[in-house]
């Protein structure tokens, strides 16, 4: 194994570590919000510092490998892809931290009827299912599994589109739910964005493995 291969292995392990850590953050953000559990929320916020540090480390590894070893073909695609994957994973971590921050700010328990109506449990579970599939697909370099994430992201988008109407109906009935409605509206938007970033990661891995480019790719009519 040459020096570049060693560097690629190091980067791969760091990215998979980041992926696993971010998945844990998202799962904890669900428990913190629905608990509610402010101590767990504070733990998520603290762990975000570790994610940020790991992002900088991965960026440095990739940049050094490109600058020092002049990679080509698959190796170059891997390094370019991991730079983008790293950024998307850090953003997912940001969303988990944002949800945790809401928990530390809330002064009362969330309205359970409104929680059920906006399907927040379903949305969290689907986002987590996508995270697990993404990590498995990345570890196994399984593009078939990664491609399934596109359809799952569409399901997240459908729930997101209905949130405003449902939340507004609850607020009309009880204006005291305005603050809760704001937090839940923003939480669902964050989960929808998590799906977008997971889809981005899938696209970047497929680019690395199959040399297929998705950017600006038009849907067939």
C-alpha atoms as a PDB file:
ATOM      1  CA  UNK A   1       0.000   0.000   0.000  1.00  0.00           C
ATOM      2  CA  UNK A   2       1.484   3.349  -1.060  1.00  0.00           C
ATOM      3  CA  UNK A   3       1.364   6.659   0.790  1.00  0.00           C
ATOM      4  CA  UNK A   4      -1.710   7.950  -1.067  1.00  0.00           C
ATOM      5  CA  UNK A   5      -3.632   4.754  -0.338  1.00  0.00           C
ATOM      6  CA  UNK A   6      -2.802   5.165   3.349  1.00  0.00           C
ATOM      7  CA  UNK A   7      -4.085   8.736   3.261  1.00  0.00           C
ATOM      8  CA  UNK A   8      -7.284   7.667   1.525  1.00  0.00           C
ATOM      9  CA  UNK A   9      -7.892   4.968   4.136  1.00  0.00           C
ATOM     10  CA  UNK A  10      -7.358   7.541   6.890  1.00  0.00           C
ATOM     11  CA  UNK A  11      -9.812   9.956   5.275  1.00  0.00           C
ATOM     12  CA  UNK A  12     -12.377   7.219   4.709  1.00  0.00           C
ATOM     13  CA  UNK A  13     -12.295   6.193   8.370  1.00  0.00           C
ATOM     14  CA  UNK A  14     -12.584   9.817   9.513  1.00  0.00           C
ATOM     15  CA  UNK A  15     -15.588  10.439   7.248  1.00  0.00           C
ATOM     16  CA  UNK A  16     -17.325   7.279   8.472  1.00  0.00           C
ATOM     17  CA  UNK A  17     -16.646   8.365  12.054  1.00  0.00           C
ATOM     18  CA  UNK A  18     -18.189  11.748  11.273  1.00  0.00           C
ATOM     19  CA  UNK A  19     -21.186  10.057   9.668  1.00  0.00           C
ATOM     20  CA  UNK A  20     -21.793   7.860  12.711  1.00  0.00           C
ATOM     21  CA  UNK A  21     -21.384  10.751  15.137  1.00  0.00           C
ATOM     22  CA  UNK A  22     -23.816  12.941  13.217  1.00  0.00           C
ATOM     23  CA  UNK A  23     -26.340  10.094  13.141  1.00  0.00           C
ATOM     24  CA  UNK A  24     -26.108   9.823  16.916  1.00  0.00           C
ATOM     25  CA  UNK A  25     -26.668  13.563  17.222  1.00  0.00           C
ATOM     26  CA  UNK A  26     -29.832  13.391  15.141  1.00  0.00           C
ATOM     27  CA  UNK A  27     -31.205  10.454  17.130  1.00  0.00           C
ATOM     28  CA  UNK A  28     -30.495  12.267  20.398  1.00  0.00           C
ATOM     29  CA  UNK A  29     -32.186  15.424  19.116  1.00  0.00           C
ATOM     30  CA  UNK A  30     -35.408  13.455  18.715  1.00  0.00           C
ATOM     31  CA  UNK A  31     -35.246  12.160  22.282  1.00  0.00           C
ATOM     32  CA  UNK A  32     -34.340  15.595  23.606  1.00  0.00           C
ATOM     33  CA  UNK A  33     -37.268  17.286  21.843  1.00  0.00           C
ATOM     34  CA  UNK A  34     -39.932  14.715  22.601  1.00  0.00           C
ATOM     35  CA  UNK A  35     -38.818  14.142  26.203  1.00  0.00           C
ATOM     36  CA  UNK A  36     -38.292  16.969  26.649  1.00  0.00           C
ATOM     37  CA  UNK A  37     -34.772  16.404  27.981  1.00  0.00           C
ATOM     38  CA  UNK A  38     -32.727  19.566  28.481  1.00  0.00           C
ATOM     39  CA  UNK A  39     -29.661  17.698  29.765  1.00  0.00           C
ATOM     40  CA  UNK A  40     -29.517  15.628  26.586  1.00  0.00           C
ATOM     41  CA  UNK A  41     -29.997  18.808  24.569  1.00  0.00           C
ATOM     42  CA  UNK A  42     -26.998  20.370  26.302  1.00  0.00           C
ATOM     43  CA  UNK A  43     -24.955  17.240  25.521  1.00  0.00           C
ATOM     44  CA  UNK A  44     -25.836  17.590  21.826  1.00  0.00           C
ATOM     45  CA  UNK A  45     -24.774  21.236  21.815  1.00  0.00           C
ATOM     46  CA  UNK A  46     -21.457  20.355  23.481  1.00  0.00           C
ATOM     47  CA  UNK A  47     -20.768  17.467  21.068  1.00  0.00           C
ATOM     48  CA  UNK A  48     -21.231  19.826  18.111  1.00  0.00           C
ATOM     49  CA  UNK A  49     -17.775  21.236  18.926  1.00  0.00           C
ATOM     50  CA  UNK A  50     -16.292  17.789  18.284  1.00  0.00           C
ATOM     51  CA  UNK A  51     -18.082  17.584  14.938  1.00  0.00           C
ATOM     52  CA  UNK A  52     -16.764  20.989  13.891  1.00  0.00           C
ATOM     53  CA  UNK A  53     -13.233  19.974  14.818  1.00  0.00           C
ATOM     54  CA  UNK A  54     -13.534  16.724  12.876  1.00  0.00           C
ATOM     55  CA  UNK A  55     -14.812  18.622   9.830  1.00  0.00           C
ATOM     56  CA  UNK A  56     -11.687  20.798   9.826  1.00  0.00           C
ATOM     57  CA  UNK A  57      -9.469  17.729  10.195  1.00  0.00           C
ATOM     58  CA  UNK A  58     -11.074  15.937   7.243  1.00  0.00           C
ATOM     59  CA  UNK A  59     -10.828  19.058   5.086  1.00  0.00           C
ATOM     60  CA  UNK A  60      -7.124  19.320   5.912  1.00  0.00           C
ATOM     61  CA  UNK A  61      -6.516  15.624   5.133  1.00  0.00           C
ATOM     62  CA  UNK A  62      -8.219  15.938   1.716  1.00  0.00           C
ATOM     63  CA  UNK A  63      -6.519  19.182   0.776  1.00  0.00           C
ATOM     64  CA  UNK A  64      -3.094  17.840   1.729  1.00  0.00           C
ATOM     65  CA  UNK A  65      -3.644  14.619  -0.231  1.00  0.00           C
ATOM     66  CA  UNK A  66      -4.606  16.586  -3.352  1.00  0.00           C
ATOM     67  CA  UNK A  67      -1.711  19.025  -2.997  1.00  0.00           C
ATOM     68  CA  UNK A  68       1.011  16.517  -2.150  1.00  0.00           C
ATOM     69  CA  UNK A  69       0.193  13.375  -4.156  1.00  0.00           C
ATOM     70  CA  UNK A  70      -1.468  14.606  -7.388  1.00  0.00           C
ATOM     71  CA  UNK A  71      -4.218  11.946  -7.364  1.00  0.00           C
ATOM     72  CA  UNK A  72      -6.015  10.969 -10.581  1.00  0.00           C
ATOM     73  CA  UNK A  73      -9.088   9.019 -11.669  1.00  0.00           C
ATOM     74  CA  UNK A  74     -10.854   7.198  -8.807  1.00  0.00           C
ATOM     75  CA  UNK A  75      -8.553   8.592  -6.120  1.00  0.00           C
ATOM     76  CA  UNK A  76      -9.226  12.160  -7.224  1.00  0.00           C
ATOM     77  CA  UNK A  77     -12.983  11.520  -7.401  1.00  0.00           C
ATOM     78  CA  UNK A  78     -12.838  10.114  -3.870  1.00  0.00           C
ATOM     79  CA  UNK A  79     -11.072  13.175  -2.458  1.00  0.00           C
ATOM     80  CA  UNK A  80     -13.351  15.665  -4.221  1.00  0.00           C
ATOM     81  CA  UNK A  81     -16.399  13.722  -3.058  1.00  0.00           C
ATOM     82  CA  UNK A  82     -15.236  13.496   0.555  1.00  0.00           C
ATOM     83  CA  UNK A  83     -14.714  17.259   0.738  1.00  0.00           C
ATOM     84  CA  UNK A  84     -18.355  17.716  -0.245  1.00  0.00           C
ATOM     85  CA  UNK A  85     -19.623  14.862   1.938  1.00  0.00           C
ATOM     86  CA  UNK A  86     -17.781  16.345   4.904  1.00  0.00           C
ATOM     87  CA  UNK A  87     -19.562  19.663   4.441  1.00  0.00           C
ATOM     88  CA  UNK A  88     -22.989  18.025   4.172  1.00  0.00           C
ATOM     89  CA  UNK A  89     -22.417  15.956   7.304  1.00  0.00           C
ATOM     90  CA  UNK A  90     -21.396  19.044   9.265  1.00  0.00           C
ATOM     91  CA  UNK A  91     -24.631  20.745   8.192  1.00  0.00           C
ATOM     92  CA  UNK A  92     -26.676  17.789   9.449  1.00  0.00           C
ATOM     93  CA  UNK A  93     -24.884  18.164  12.771  1.00  0.00           C
ATOM     94  CA  UNK A  94     -25.831  21.844  12.774  1.00  0.00           C
ATOM     95  CA  UNK A  95     -29.504  20.961  12.357  1.00  0.00           C
ATOM     96  CA  UNK A  96     -29.384  18.496  15.253  1.00  0.00           C
ATOM     97  CA  UNK A  97     -27.774  21.191  17.397  1.00  0.00           C
ATOM     98  CA  UNK A  98     -30.447  23.677  16.301  1.00  0.00           C
ATOM     99  CA  UNK A  99     -33.221  21.327  17.421  1.00  0.00           C
ATOM    100  CA  UNK A 100     -31.421  20.831  20.731  1.00  0.00           C
ATOM    101  CA  UNK A 101     -31.215  24.600  21.188  1.00  0.00           C
ATOM    102  CA  UNK A 102     -34.998  24.820  20.903  1.00  0.00           C
ATOM    103  CA  UNK A 103     -35.305  22.338  23.758  1.00  0.00           C
ATOM    104  CA  UNK A 104     -33.194  24.543  26.014  1.00  0.00           C
ATOM    105  CA  UNK A 105     -35.384  27.547  25.149  1.00  0.00           C
ATOM    106  CA  UNK A 106     -38.842  25.985  25.534  1.00  0.00           C
ATOM    107  CA  UNK A 107     -40.687  26.846  28.721  1.00  0.00           C
ATOM    108  CA  UNK A 108     -43.496  24.281  28.482  1.00  0.00           C
ATOM    109  CA  UNK A 109     -44.107  20.778  27.177  1.00  0.00           C
ATOM    110  CA  UNK A 110     -45.124  20.468  23.547  1.00  0.00           C
ATOM    111  CA  UNK A 111     -48.777  19.946  22.635  1.00  0.00           C
ATOM    112  CA  UNK A 112     -49.061  16.208  21.965  1.00  0.00           C
ATOM    113  CA  UNK A 113     -52.007  16.521  19.563  1.00  0.00           C
ATOM    114  CA  UNK A 114     -50.117  18.989  17.404  1.00  0.00           C
ATOM    115  CA  UNK A 115     -47.014  16.764  17.485  1.00  0.00           C
ATOM    116  CA  UNK A 116     -49.054  13.831  16.200  1.00  0.00           C
ATOM    117  CA  UNK A 117     -50.822  15.911  13.547  1.00  0.00           C
ATOM    118  CA  UNK A 118     -47.615  17.180  11.962  1.00  0.00           C
ATOM    119  CA  UNK A 119     -46.134  13.645  11.979  1.00  0.00           C
ATOM    120  CA  UNK A 120     -42.908  14.711  13.641  1.00  0.00           C
ATOM    121  CA  UNK A 121     -42.217  11.200  14.947  1.00  0.00           C
ATOM    122  CA  UNK A 122     -42.592   9.812  11.443  1.00  0.00           C
ATOM    123  CA  UNK A 123     -40.302  12.486  10.061  1.00  0.00           C
ATOM    124  CA  UNK A 124     -37.587  11.871  12.666  1.00  0.00           C
ATOM    125  CA  UNK A 125     -37.795   8.103  12.087  1.00  0.00           C
ATOM    126  CA  UNK A 126     -37.555   8.492   8.323  1.00  0.00           C
ATOM    127  CA  UNK A 127     -34.574  10.838   8.637  1.00  0.00           C
ATOM    128  CA  UNK A 128     -32.866   8.340  10.944  1.00  0.00           C
ATOM    129  CA  UNK A 129     -33.648   5.481   8.563  1.00  0.00           C
ATOM    130  CA  UNK A 130     -31.976   7.511   5.828  1.00  0.00           C
ATOM    131  CA  UNK A 131     -28.929   8.145   8.049  1.00  0.00           C
ATOM    132  CA  UNK A 132     -28.541   4.419   8.756  1.00  0.00           C
ATOM    133  CA  UNK A 133     -28.916   3.512   5.074  1.00  0.00           C
ATOM    134  CA  UNK A 134     -26.458   6.245   4.101  1.00  0.00           C
ATOM    135  CA  UNK A 135     -23.811   4.963   6.520  1.00  0.00           C
ATOM    136  CA  UNK A 136     -24.338   1.351   5.450  1.00  0.00           C
ATOM    137  CA  UNK A 137     -24.186   2.296   1.777  1.00  0.00           C
ATOM    138  CA  UNK A 138     -21.007   4.310   2.335  1.00  0.00           C
ATOM    139  CA  UNK A 139     -19.278   1.579   4.361  1.00  0.00           C
ATOM    140  CA  UNK A 140     -20.160  -1.125   1.843  1.00  0.00           C
ATOM    141  CA  UNK A 141     -19.770   1.174  -1.191  1.00  0.00           C
ATOM    142  CA  UNK A 142     -23.236  -0.014  -2.209  1.00  0.00           C
ATOM    143  CA  UNK A 143     -24.627   2.382  -4.806  1.00  0.00           C
ATOM    144  CA  UNK A 144     -27.886   0.431  -5.041  1.00  0.00           C
ATOM    145  CA  UNK A 145     -28.616   1.192  -1.397  1.00  0.00           C
ATOM    146  CA  UNK A 146     -27.505   4.802  -1.782  1.00  0.00           C
ATOM    147  CA  UNK A 147     -29.886   5.311  -4.715  1.00  0.00           C
ATOM    148  CA  UNK A 148     -32.849   4.304  -2.537  1.00  0.00           C
ATOM    149  CA  UNK A 149     -32.259   7.443  -0.479  1.00  0.00           C
ATOM    150  CA  UNK A 150     -33.656   9.632  -3.256  1.00  0.00           C
ATOM    151  CA  UNK A 151     -37.156   8.186  -2.884  1.00  0.00           C
ATOM    152  CA  UNK A 152     -36.959   8.399   0.903  1.00  0.00           C
ATOM    153  CA  UNK A 153     -36.077  12.079   0.645  1.00  0.00           C
ATOM    154  CA  UNK A 154     -39.214  12.639  -1.434  1.00  0.00           C
ATOM    155  CA  UNK A 155     -41.279  11.228   1.443  1.00  0.00           C
ATOM    156  CA  UNK A 156     -39.708  13.747   3.833  1.00  0.00           C
ATOM    157  CA  UNK A 157     -40.543  16.545   1.426  1.00  0.00           C
ATOM    158  CA  UNK A 158     -44.216  15.534   1.345  1.00  0.00           C
ATOM    159  CA  UNK A 159     -44.524  15.790   5.135  1.00  0.00           C
ATOM    160  CA  UNK A 160     -42.717  19.113   5.128  1.00  0.00           C
ATOM    161  CA  UNK A 161     -45.148  20.621   2.603  1.00  0.00           C
ATOM    162  CA  UNK A 162     -48.135  19.981   4.881  1.00  0.00           C
ATOM    163  CA  UNK A 163     -46.642  21.428   8.055  1.00  0.00           C
ATOM    164  CA  UNK A 164     -47.625  25.077   7.650  1.00  0.00           C
ATOM    165  CA  UNK A 165     -51.331  24.383   7.160  1.00  0.00           C
ATOM    166  CA  UNK A 166     -51.535  21.943  10.064  1.00  0.00           C
ATOM    167  CA  UNK A 167     -49.664  24.175  12.503  1.00  0.00           C
ATOM    168  CA  UNK A 168     -51.644  27.275  11.518  1.00  0.00           C
ATOM    169  CA  UNK A 169     -54.914  25.444  12.198  1.00  0.00           C
ATOM    170  CA  UNK A 170     -53.790  24.625  15.741  1.00  0.00           C
ATOM    171  CA  UNK A 171     -52.646  28.196  16.371  1.00  0.00           C
ATOM    172  CA  UNK A 172     -56.012  29.550  15.182  1.00  0.00           C
ATOM    173  CA  UNK A 173     -57.744  27.354  17.747  1.00  0.00           C
ATOM    174  CA  UNK A 174     -55.289  28.252  20.513  1.00  0.00           C
ATOM    175  CA  UNK A 175     -53.075  31.356  20.077  1.00  0.00           C
ATOM    176  CA  UNK A 176     -51.015  30.210  23.076  1.00  0.00           C
ATOM    177  CA  UNK A 177     -49.457  27.647  20.750  1.00  0.00           C
ATOM    178  CA  UNK A 178     -47.724  30.285  18.623  1.00  0.00           C
ATOM    179  CA  UNK A 179     -44.258  29.782  20.133  1.00  0.00           C
ATOM    180  CA  UNK A 180     -44.560  25.994  20.015  1.00  0.00           C
ATOM    181  CA  UNK A 181     -45.751  26.253  16.444  1.00  0.00           C
ATOM    182  CA  UNK A 182     -42.680  28.288  15.537  1.00  0.00           C
ATOM    183  CA  UNK A 183     -40.323  25.718  17.096  1.00  0.00           C
ATOM    184  CA  UNK A 184     -42.065  22.770  15.433  1.00  0.00           C
ATOM    185  CA  UNK A 185     -42.291  24.489  12.049  1.00  0.00           C
ATOM    186  CA  UNK A 186     -38.551  25.161  12.163  1.00  0.00           C
ATOM    187  CA  UNK A 187     -37.785  21.630  13.408  1.00  0.00           C
ATOM    188  CA  UNK A 188     -39.638  20.033  10.512  1.00  0.00           C
ATOM    189  CA  UNK A 189     -37.842  22.324   8.067  1.00  0.00           C
ATOM    190  CA  UNK A 190     -34.535  21.244   9.589  1.00  0.00           C
ATOM    191  CA  UNK A 191     -35.457  17.569   9.170  1.00  0.00           C
ATOM    192  CA  UNK A 192     -36.409  18.225   5.549  1.00  0.00           C
ATOM    193  CA  UNK A 193     -32.996  19.825   5.024  1.00  0.00           C
ATOM    194  CA  UNK A 194     -31.355  16.817   6.687  1.00  0.00           C
ATOM    195  CA  UNK A 195     -32.925  14.700   3.958  1.00  0.00           C
ATOM    196  CA  UNK A 196     -31.534  17.025   1.289  1.00  0.00           C
ATOM    197  CA  UNK A 197     -28.018  16.744   2.710  1.00  0.00           C
ATOM    198  CA  UNK A 198     -28.260  12.951   2.964  1.00  0.00           C
ATOM    199  CA  UNK A 199     -29.301  12.891  -0.691  1.00  0.00           C
ATOM    200  CA  UNK A 200     -26.286  15.071  -1.503  1.00  0.00           C
ATOM    201  CA  UNK A 201     -24.019  12.586   0.269  1.00  0.00           C
ATOM    202  CA  UNK A 202     -25.536   9.731  -1.743  1.00  0.00           C
ATOM    203  CA  UNK A 203     -24.925  11.648  -4.979  1.00  0.00           C
ATOM    204  CA  UNK A 204     -21.302  12.310  -4.032  1.00  0.00           C
ATOM    205  CA  UNK A 205     -20.634   8.655  -3.218  1.00  0.00           C
ATOM    206  CA  UNK A 206     -22.227   7.592  -6.514  1.00  0.00           C
ATOM    207  CA  UNK A 207     -20.008  10.113  -8.316  1.00  0.00           C
ATOM    208  CA  UNK A 208     -16.957   8.619  -6.589  1.00  0.00           C
ATOM    209  CA  UNK A 209     -17.936   4.992  -7.214  1.00  0.00           C
ATOM    210  CA  UNK A 210     -19.673   5.151 -10.618  1.00  0.00           C
ATOM    211  CA  UNK A 211     -18.385   8.462 -12.059  1.00  0.00           C
ATOM    212  CA  UNK A 212     -22.021   9.560 -12.467  1.00  0.00           C
ATOM    213  CA  UNK A 213     -22.784  13.264 -12.078  1.00  0.00           C
ATOM    214  CA  UNK A 214     -26.184  14.355 -10.725  1.00  0.00           C
ATOM    215  CA  UNK A 215     -25.744  18.130 -10.506  1.00  0.00           C
ATOM    216  CA  UNK A 216     -28.304  20.010 -12.637  1.00  0.00           C
ATOM    217  CA  UNK A 217     -29.495  16.686 -14.037  1.00  0.00           C
ATOM    218  CA  UNK A 218     -32.987  17.136 -15.472  1.00  0.00           C
ATOM    219  CA  UNK A 219     -35.762  14.700 -14.711  1.00  0.00           C
ATOM    220  CA  UNK A 220     -37.081  12.722 -17.623  1.00  0.00           C
ATOM    221  CA  UNK A 221     -40.580  13.765 -18.662  1.00  0.00           C
END
